[in-house]
Amino acid sequence: VKRWYMTHLWKTLRDFEKEMLPRFDGLVPITCQDADLFRENGITIPIKAIPFGLPASKIASAVPPLPTVPIAFHIGSMDWIPNQEGIKWLIEEVWPLVKTRVPDAVLRLAGRNMPQWLKKTQNPGVEVLGEVPNAKEFILQGTVMVVPLFSGSGIRIKIIEALASGKAVITTSIGAEGIACQNGRDILLADDTNSMAEAIVTALTNQELCEALGENAIKLIREQHTREELISQLVQFYGQL
């Protein structure tokens, strides 16, 4: 019944969008993938993908110091099912592989609405903090952000914020959608258990790699996700309508 309902809801929303969108002068999705999806569904009005951006003042000028303890971390709303699915996989499948190679590694999980099953987890080295008072401070305290996503769309704002802070980030191909990143240059991508574990171990044990990723991440955000530049692109798009 649930599957039927979700399929029915998806078709209803799709048909509604197809009916309503042509009434607008233009469309501004947040990722190129979303823009392509609209075009594939027959939307012919002008479309311009403009990603999430940060004020230039919020982008770090240098990579912050790394902690002395190897800390992988995740922060995000835990009432979102893709986050729950990804973290469950990370804890049960990936983290044991990491701990065998980096015994002192810590995995810190933060975010509002932590489910009860996660609060009760007893996995070695896993710290479930729940909602934290200062997300940026939490990000700066870690070695590498891990974002294991296998569903969902759009752009992951917390990844943008971590990259802007000069932090190394590991995510999946889906998690990196909407970000003009390159694997091994400004981010690490891993789509299966072994490659995710390998990426985490590498980041936790290689300070030079984390620093290089952080430096390139800052450069990427300055070039692609500065709010002032994105506003300029948006104004230009409006002027062409």
C-alpha atoms as a PDB file:
ATOM      1  CA  VAL A   1       0.000   0.000   0.000  1.00  0.00           C
ATOM      2  CA  LYS A   2       2.800   2.414   0.873  1.00  0.00           C
ATOM      3  CA  ARG A   3       4.560   1.791  -2.441  1.00  0.00           C
ATOM      4  CA  TRP A   4       1.319   2.360  -4.346  1.00  0.00           C
ATOM      5  CA  TYR A   5       0.683   5.573  -2.428  1.00  0.00           C
ATOM      6  CA  MET A   6       4.200   6.922  -3.031  1.00  0.00           C
ATOM      7  CA  THR A   7       3.977   6.106  -6.736  1.00  0.00           C
ATOM      8  CA  HIS A   8       0.586   7.791  -6.951  1.00  0.00           C
ATOM      9  CA  LEU A   9       1.912  10.855  -5.105  1.00  0.00           C
ATOM     10  CA  TRP A  10       4.958  11.058  -7.380  1.00  0.00           C
ATOM     11  CA  LYS A  11       2.833  10.915 -10.527  1.00  0.00           C
ATOM     12  CA  THR A  12       0.421  13.510  -9.156  1.00  0.00           C
ATOM     13  CA  LEU A  13       3.230  15.943  -8.339  1.00  0.00           C
ATOM     14  CA  ARG A  14       4.921  15.304 -11.696  1.00  0.00           C
ATOM     15  CA  ASP A  15       1.715  16.040 -13.599  1.00  0.00           C
ATOM     16  CA  PHE A  16       1.093  19.151 -11.495  1.00  0.00           C
ATOM     17  CA  GLU A  17       4.578  20.481 -12.256  1.00  0.00           C
ATOM     18  CA  LYS A  18       4.193  19.781 -15.973  1.00  0.00           C
ATOM     19  CA  GLU A  19       0.944  21.740 -15.962  1.00  0.00           C
ATOM     20  CA  MET A  20       2.137  24.685 -13.875  1.00  0.00           C
ATOM     21  CA  LEU A  21       5.748  25.288 -14.939  1.00  0.00           C
ATOM     22  CA  PRO A  22       4.999  26.487 -18.507  1.00  0.00           C
ATOM     23  CA  ARG A  23       3.071  29.391 -16.964  1.00  0.00           C
ATOM     24  CA  PHE A  24       6.313  30.857 -15.626  1.00  0.00           C
ATOM     25  CA  ASP A  25       8.888  32.933 -17.507  1.00  0.00           C
ATOM     26  CA  GLY A  26      11.859  30.900 -16.320  1.00  0.00           C
ATOM     27  CA  LEU A  27      13.015  28.186 -13.968  1.00  0.00           C
ATOM     28  CA  VAL A  28      16.005  28.222 -11.596  1.00  0.00           C
ATOM     29  CA  PRO A  29      16.773  24.741 -10.205  1.00  0.00           C
ATOM     30  CA  ILE A  30      19.614  24.291  -7.754  1.00  0.00           C
ATOM     31  CA  THR A  31      21.596  21.655  -9.715  1.00  0.00           C
ATOM     32  CA  CYS A  32      22.374  20.847 -13.351  1.00  0.00           C
ATOM     33  CA  GLN A  33      20.963  17.360 -12.757  1.00  0.00           C
ATOM     34  CA  ASP A  34      17.609  18.880 -11.788  1.00  0.00           C
ATOM     35  CA  ALA A  35      17.739  21.184 -14.823  1.00  0.00           C
ATOM     36  CA  ASP A  36      18.317  18.202 -17.116  1.00  0.00           C
ATOM     37  CA  LEU A  37      15.429  16.339 -15.492  1.00  0.00           C
ATOM     38  CA  PHE A  38      13.038  19.205 -16.188  1.00  0.00           C
ATOM     39  CA  ARG A  39      14.146  19.318 -19.835  1.00  0.00           C
ATOM     40  CA  GLU A  40      13.767  15.544 -20.175  1.00  0.00           C
ATOM     41  CA  ASN A  41      10.186  15.928 -18.930  1.00  0.00           C
ATOM     42  CA  GLY A  42       9.323  18.377 -21.676  1.00  0.00           C
ATOM     43  CA  ILE A  43       9.774  21.714 -19.889  1.00  0.00           C
ATOM     44  CA  THR A  44      10.753  24.212 -22.597  1.00  0.00           C
ATOM     45  CA  ILE A  45      10.844  27.534 -20.728  1.00  0.00           C
ATOM     46  CA  PRO A  46      14.330  29.018 -20.106  1.00  0.00           C
ATOM     47  CA  ILE A  47      16.182  27.105 -17.385  1.00  0.00           C
ATOM     48  CA  LYS A  48      19.309  28.191 -15.517  1.00  0.00           C
ATOM     49  CA  ALA A  49      20.871  26.043 -12.791  1.00  0.00           C
ATOM     50  CA  ILE A  50      22.228  28.171  -9.946  1.00  0.00           C
ATOM     51  CA  PRO A  51      23.626  26.315  -6.921  1.00  0.00           C
ATOM     52  CA  PHE A  52      23.601  27.205  -3.249  1.00  0.00           C
ATOM     53  CA  GLY A  53      26.175  29.831  -2.351  1.00  0.00           C
ATOM     54  CA  LEU A  54      27.828  31.378   0.671  1.00  0.00           C
ATOM     55  CA  PRO A  55      28.850  34.991   1.285  1.00  0.00           C
ATOM     56  CA  ALA A  56      32.535  35.477   0.493  1.00  0.00           C
ATOM     57  CA  SER A  57      33.064  36.455   4.133  1.00  0.00           C
ATOM     58  CA  LYS A  58      31.954  32.961   5.238  1.00  0.00           C
ATOM     59  CA  ILE A  59      34.619  31.163   3.200  1.00  0.00           C
ATOM     60  CA  ALA A  60      37.822  30.293   5.059  1.00  0.00           C
ATOM     61  CA  SER A  61      41.082  31.912   4.038  1.00  0.00           C
ATOM     62  CA  ALA A  62      43.158  28.905   5.108  1.00  0.00           C
ATOM     63  CA  VAL A  63      42.782  25.273   6.150  1.00  0.00           C
ATOM     64  CA  PRO A  64      42.086  25.025   9.916  1.00  0.00           C
ATOM     65  CA  PRO A  65      44.313  22.927  12.205  1.00  0.00           C
ATOM     66  CA  LEU A  66      43.514  19.224  12.297  1.00  0.00           C
ATOM     67  CA  PRO A  67      42.660  17.514  15.603  1.00  0.00           C
ATOM     68  CA  THR A  68      45.200  15.235  17.263  1.00  0.00           C
ATOM     69  CA  VAL A  69      42.616  12.420  17.415  1.00  0.00           C
ATOM     70  CA  PRO A  70      41.361  11.006  14.061  1.00  0.00           C
ATOM     71  CA  ILE A  71      37.720  12.118  13.932  1.00  0.00           C
ATOM     72  CA  ALA A  72      35.272  11.323  11.148  1.00  0.00           C
ATOM     73  CA  PHE A  73      31.999  13.202  11.487  1.00  0.00           C
ATOM     74  CA  HIS A  74      28.546  13.693  10.031  1.00  0.00           C
ATOM     75  CA  ILE A  75      26.019  16.444  10.651  1.00  0.00           C
ATOM     76  CA  GLY A  76      22.538  16.636   9.205  1.00  0.00           C
ATOM     77  CA  SER A  77      18.830  16.370   9.935  1.00  0.00           C
ATOM     78  CA  MET A  78      18.266  12.808  11.075  1.00  0.00           C
ATOM     79  CA  ASP A  79      14.529  12.808  10.414  1.00  0.00           C
ATOM     80  CA  TRP A  80      15.407  12.710   6.704  1.00  0.00           C
ATOM     81  CA  ILE A  81      15.247   9.071   5.592  1.00  0.00           C
ATOM     82  CA  PRO A  82      18.257   9.183   3.188  1.00  0.00           C
ATOM     83  CA  ASN A  83      20.430  10.361   6.100  1.00  0.00           C
ATOM     84  CA  GLN A  84      19.156   7.561   8.338  1.00  0.00           C
ATOM     85  CA  GLU A  85      19.761   4.942   5.661  1.00  0.00           C
ATOM     86  CA  GLY A  86      23.256   6.214   4.939  1.00  0.00           C
ATOM     87  CA  ILE A  87      24.316   6.440   8.581  1.00  0.00           C
ATOM     88  CA  LYS A  88      22.947   2.983   9.350  1.00  0.00           C
ATOM     89  CA  TRP A  89      25.043   1.590   6.490  1.00  0.00           C
ATOM     90  CA  LEU A  90      28.078   3.584   7.643  1.00  0.00           C
ATOM     91  CA  ILE A  91      27.866   2.315  11.221  1.00  0.00           C
ATOM     92  CA  GLU A  92      27.050  -1.306  10.466  1.00  0.00           C
ATOM     93  CA  GLU A  93      29.040  -1.998   7.300  1.00  0.00           C
ATOM     94  CA  VAL A  94      31.821   0.563   6.963  1.00  0.00           C
ATOM     95  CA  TRP A  95      32.878   1.634  10.439  1.00  0.00           C
ATOM     96  CA  PRO A  96      33.981  -1.836  11.661  1.00  0.00           C
ATOM     97  CA  LEU A  97      36.413  -1.961   8.711  1.00  0.00           C
ATOM     98  CA  VAL A  98      37.769   1.458   9.652  1.00  0.00           C
ATOM     99  CA  LYS A  99      38.226   0.537  13.330  1.00  0.00           C
ATOM    100  CA  THR A 100      40.289  -2.542  12.510  1.00  0.00           C
ATOM    101  CA  ARG A 101      42.827  -0.317  10.740  1.00  0.00           C
ATOM    102  CA  VAL A 102      42.549   2.856  12.825  1.00  0.00           C
ATOM    103  CA  PRO A 103      41.761   1.640  16.380  1.00  0.00           C
ATOM    104  CA  ASP A 104      41.648   5.127  17.908  1.00  0.00           C
ATOM    105  CA  ALA A 105      39.297   6.522  15.242  1.00  0.00           C
ATOM    106  CA  VAL A 106      36.132   8.300  16.402  1.00  0.00           C
ATOM    107  CA  LEU A 107      32.893   8.770  14.468  1.00  0.00           C
ATOM    108  CA  ARG A 108      30.847  11.738  15.707  1.00  0.00           C
ATOM    109  CA  LEU A 109      27.235  12.110  14.628  1.00  0.00           C
ATOM    110  CA  ALA A 110      25.360  15.378  15.066  1.00  0.00           C
ATOM    111  CA  GLY A 111      21.996  16.682  13.937  1.00  0.00           C
ATOM    112  CA  ARG A 112      18.484  17.260  15.140  1.00  0.00           C
ATOM    113  CA  ASN A 113      15.847  14.557  15.566  1.00  0.00           C
ATOM    114  CA  MET A 114      18.182  11.629  16.155  1.00  0.00           C
ATOM    115  CA  PRO A 115      16.145   8.396  15.964  1.00  0.00           C
ATOM    116  CA  GLN A 116      16.018   6.215  19.058  1.00  0.00           C
ATOM    117  CA  TRP A 117      17.823   3.308  17.406  1.00  0.00           C
ATOM    118  CA  LEU A 118      20.783   5.589  16.730  1.00  0.00           C
ATOM    119  CA  LYS A 119      20.837   7.043  20.236  1.00  0.00           C
ATOM    120  CA  LYS A 120      21.090   3.504  21.602  1.00  0.00           C
ATOM    121  CA  THR A 121      23.941   2.394  19.355  1.00  0.00           C
ATOM    122  CA  GLN A 122      26.851   0.738  21.134  1.00  0.00           C
ATOM    123  CA  ASN A 123      29.281   0.567  18.221  1.00  0.00           C
ATOM    124  CA  PRO A 124      32.900   1.133  19.312  1.00  0.00           C
ATOM    125  CA  GLY A 125      34.130   4.642  18.682  1.00  0.00           C
ATOM    126  CA  VAL A 126      30.737   6.019  17.669  1.00  0.00           C
ATOM    127  CA  GLU A 127      29.568   9.155  19.507  1.00  0.00           C
ATOM    128  CA  VAL A 128      25.962  10.270  18.965  1.00  0.00           C
ATOM    129  CA  LEU A 129      25.734  13.921  20.006  1.00  0.00           C
ATOM    130  CA  GLY A 130      22.359  14.952  18.624  1.00  0.00           C
ATOM    131  CA  GLU A 131      21.746  18.616  17.904  1.00  0.00           C
ATOM    132  CA  VAL A 132      24.801  20.783  18.578  1.00  0.00           C
ATOM    133  CA  PRO A 133      24.708  24.491  19.481  1.00  0.00           C
ATOM    134  CA  ASN A 134      27.249  25.526  16.835  1.00  0.00           C
ATOM    135  CA  ALA A 135      27.453  23.565  13.578  1.00  0.00           C
ATOM    136  CA  LYS A 136      30.544  25.366  12.294  1.00  0.00           C
ATOM    137  CA  GLU A 137      32.441  24.718  15.514  1.00  0.00           C
ATOM    138  CA  PHE A 138      31.462  21.048  15.303  1.00  0.00           C
ATOM    139  CA  ILE A 139      32.759  20.862  11.723  1.00  0.00           C
ATOM    140  CA  LEU A 140      36.063  22.500  12.637  1.00  0.00           C
ATOM    141  CA  GLN A 141      36.683  19.967  15.416  1.00  0.00           C
ATOM    142  CA  GLY A 142      36.752  16.995  13.037  1.00  0.00           C
ATOM    143  CA  THR A 143      39.253  15.525  10.611  1.00  0.00           C
ATOM    144  CA  VAL A 144      36.964  14.546   7.747  1.00  0.00           C
ATOM    145  CA  MET A 145      33.254  14.866   7.031  1.00  0.00           C
ATOM    146  CA  VAL A 146      31.535  11.687   5.827  1.00  0.00           C
ATOM    147  CA  VAL A 147      28.226  11.984   3.952  1.00  0.00           C
ATOM    148  CA  PRO A 148      26.969   8.538   2.849  1.00  0.00           C
ATOM    149  CA  LEU A 149      23.947   9.243   0.643  1.00  0.00           C
ATOM    150  CA  PHE A 150      22.387   6.852  -1.840  1.00  0.00           C
ATOM    151  CA  SER A 151      19.098   8.624  -2.575  1.00  0.00           C
ATOM    152  CA  GLY A 152      17.646  12.115  -2.707  1.00  0.00           C
ATOM    153  CA  SER A 153      18.319  15.067  -4.969  1.00  0.00           C
ATOM    154  CA  GLY A 154      19.366  18.689  -4.770  1.00  0.00           C
ATOM    155  CA  ILE A 155      22.522  20.014  -3.176  1.00  0.00           C
ATOM    156  CA  ARG A 156      23.870  19.178   0.286  1.00  0.00           C
ATOM    157  CA  ILE A 157      24.359  22.481   2.057  1.00  0.00           C
ATOM    158  CA  LYS A 158      26.389  20.968   4.903  1.00  0.00           C
ATOM    159  CA  ILE A 159      28.908  19.674   2.342  1.00  0.00           C
ATOM    160  CA  ILE A 160      29.225  23.167   0.884  1.00  0.00           C
ATOM    161  CA  GLU A 161      29.746  24.571   4.381  1.00  0.00           C
ATOM    162  CA  ALA A 162      32.392  21.963   5.220  1.00  0.00           C
ATOM    163  CA  LEU A 163      34.259  22.586   1.961  1.00  0.00           C
ATOM    164  CA  ALA A 164      34.098  26.324   2.615  1.00  0.00           C
ATOM    165  CA  SER A 165      35.634  25.690   6.036  1.00  0.00           C
ATOM    166  CA  GLY A 166      38.588  23.908   4.447  1.00  0.00           C
ATOM    167  CA  LYS A 167      37.608  20.450   5.651  1.00  0.00           C
ATOM    168  CA  ALA A 168      38.175  17.203   3.788  1.00  0.00           C
ATOM    169  CA  VAL A 169      34.889  15.626   2.699  1.00  0.00           C
ATOM    170  CA  ILE A 170      34.038  12.060   1.694  1.00  0.00           C
ATOM    171  CA  THR A 171      30.687  11.390   0.054  1.00  0.00           C
ATOM    172  CA  THR A 172      28.994   9.338  -2.642  1.00  0.00           C
ATOM    173  CA  SER A 173      28.374  10.317  -6.248  1.00  0.00           C
ATOM    174  CA  ILE A 174      24.793  11.190  -5.284  1.00  0.00           C
ATOM    175  CA  GLY A 175      25.989  13.221  -2.309  1.00  0.00           C
ATOM    176  CA  ALA A 176      28.234  15.297  -4.575  1.00  0.00           C
ATOM    177  CA  GLU A 177      25.498  16.171  -7.073  1.00  0.00           C
ATOM    178  CA  GLY A 178      25.286  19.877  -7.758  1.00  0.00           C
ATOM    179  CA  ILE A 179      28.893  20.517  -6.709  1.00  0.00           C
ATOM    180  CA  ALA A 180      31.522  20.979  -9.430  1.00  0.00           C
ATOM    181  CA  CYS A 181      34.046  18.892  -7.528  1.00  0.00           C
ATOM    182  CA  GLN A 182      36.656  16.414  -8.733  1.00  0.00           C
ATOM    183  CA  ASN A 183      37.400  13.163  -6.947  1.00  0.00           C
ATOM    184  CA  GLY A 184      40.840  13.252  -5.375  1.00  0.00           C
ATOM    185  CA  ARG A 185      41.293  16.983  -5.900  1.00  0.00           C
ATOM    186  CA  ASP A 186      38.813  18.746  -3.607  1.00  0.00           C
ATOM    187  CA  ILE A 187      36.686  15.815  -2.399  1.00  0.00           C
ATOM    188  CA  LEU A 188      36.798  12.019  -2.075  1.00  0.00           C
ATOM    189  CA  LEU A 189      34.016   9.932  -3.642  1.00  0.00           C
ATOM    190  CA  ALA A 190      33.132   6.385  -2.599  1.00  0.00           C
ATOM    191  CA  ASP A 191      30.043   4.414  -3.592  1.00  0.00           C
ATOM    192  CA  ASP A 192      30.512   1.029  -1.935  1.00  0.00           C
ATOM    193  CA  THR A 193      31.528  -0.399   1.427  1.00  0.00           C
ATOM    194  CA  ASN A 194      35.179  -1.138   0.718  1.00  0.00           C
ATOM    195  CA  SER A 195      35.936   2.095  -1.121  1.00  0.00           C
ATOM    196  CA  MET A 196      34.199   4.139   1.586  1.00  0.00           C
ATOM    197  CA  ALA A 197      36.193   2.423   4.334  1.00  0.00           C
ATOM    198  CA  GLU A 198      39.407   2.898   2.359  1.00  0.00           C
ATOM    199  CA  ALA A 199      38.690   6.596   1.812  1.00  0.00           C
ATOM    200  CA  ILE A 200      37.970   7.178   5.510  1.00  0.00           C
ATOM    201  CA  VAL A 201      41.102   5.321   6.616  1.00  0.00           C
ATOM    202  CA  THR A 202      43.214   7.246   4.113  1.00  0.00           C
ATOM    203  CA  ALA A 203      41.854  10.610   5.248  1.00  0.00           C
ATOM    204  CA  LEU A 204      42.206   9.808   8.947  1.00  0.00           C
ATOM    205  CA  THR A 205      45.835   8.739   8.549  1.00  0.00           C
ATOM    206  CA  ASN A 206      47.091  11.231   5.971  1.00  0.00           C
ATOM    207  CA  GLN A 207      47.307  14.797   7.230  1.00  0.00           C
ATOM    208  CA  GLU A 208      48.876  16.104   4.025  1.00  0.00           C
ATOM    209  CA  LEU A 209      45.979  14.732   1.976  1.00  0.00           C
ATOM    210  CA  CYS A 210      43.395  16.367   4.240  1.00  0.00           C
ATOM    211  CA  GLU A 211      45.197  19.686   4.024  1.00  0.00           C
ATOM    212  CA  ALA A 212      45.452  19.482   0.232  1.00  0.00           C
ATOM    213  CA  LEU A 213      41.778  18.579  -0.085  1.00  0.00           C
ATOM    214  CA  GLY A 214      40.899  21.456   2.234  1.00  0.00           C
ATOM    215  CA  GLU A 215      42.927  23.986   0.256  1.00  0.00           C
ATOM    216  CA  ASN A 216      41.373  22.903  -3.024  1.00  0.00           C
ATOM    217  CA  ALA A 217      37.922  22.862  -1.444  1.00  0.00           C
ATOM    218  CA  ILE A 218      38.251  26.486  -0.383  1.00  0.00           C
ATOM    219  CA  LYS A 219      39.332  27.400  -3.908  1.00  0.00           C
ATOM    220  CA  LEU A 220      36.385  25.487  -5.381  1.00  0.00           C
ATOM    221  CA  ILE A 221      33.833  27.251  -3.198  1.00  0.00           C
ATOM    222  CA  ARG A 222      35.338  30.664  -3.939  1.00  0.00           C
ATOM    223  CA  GLU A 223      35.133  29.989  -7.673  1.00  0.00           C
ATOM    224  CA  GLN A 224      31.777  28.197  -7.884  1.00  0.00           C
ATOM    225  CA  HIS A 225      29.695  28.928  -4.793  1.00  0.00           C
ATOM    226  CA  THR A 226      30.266  32.546  -3.800  1.00  0.00           C
ATOM    227  CA  ARG A 227      26.872  34.126  -3.240  1.00  0.00           C
ATOM    228  CA  GLU A 228      27.832  37.448  -4.801  1.00  0.00           C
ATOM    229  CA  GLU A 229      28.775  35.769  -8.100  1.00  0.00           C
ATOM    230  CA  LEU A 230      25.652  33.609  -8.098  1.00  0.00           C
ATOM    231  CA  ILE A 231      23.448  36.662  -7.570  1.00  0.00           C
ATOM    232  CA  SER A 232      25.124  38.243 -10.599  1.00  0.00           C
ATOM    233  CA  GLN A 233      24.307  35.148 -12.672  1.00  0.00           C
ATOM    234  CA  LEU A 234      20.712  35.234 -11.471  1.00  0.00           C
ATOM    235  CA  VAL A 235      20.305  38.912 -12.370  1.00  0.00           C
ATOM    236  CA  GLN A 236      21.748  38.220 -15.822  1.00  0.00           C
ATOM    237  CA  PHE A 237      19.301  35.338 -16.318  1.00  0.00           C
ATOM    238  CA  TYR A 238      16.358  37.527 -15.307  1.00  0.00           C
ATOM    239  CA  GLY A 239      17.525  40.139 -17.801  1.00  0.00           C
ATOM    240  CA  GLN A 240      17.332  37.612 -20.627  1.00  0.00           C
ATOM    241  CA  LEU A 241      13.730  36.595 -19.954  1.00  0.00           C
END
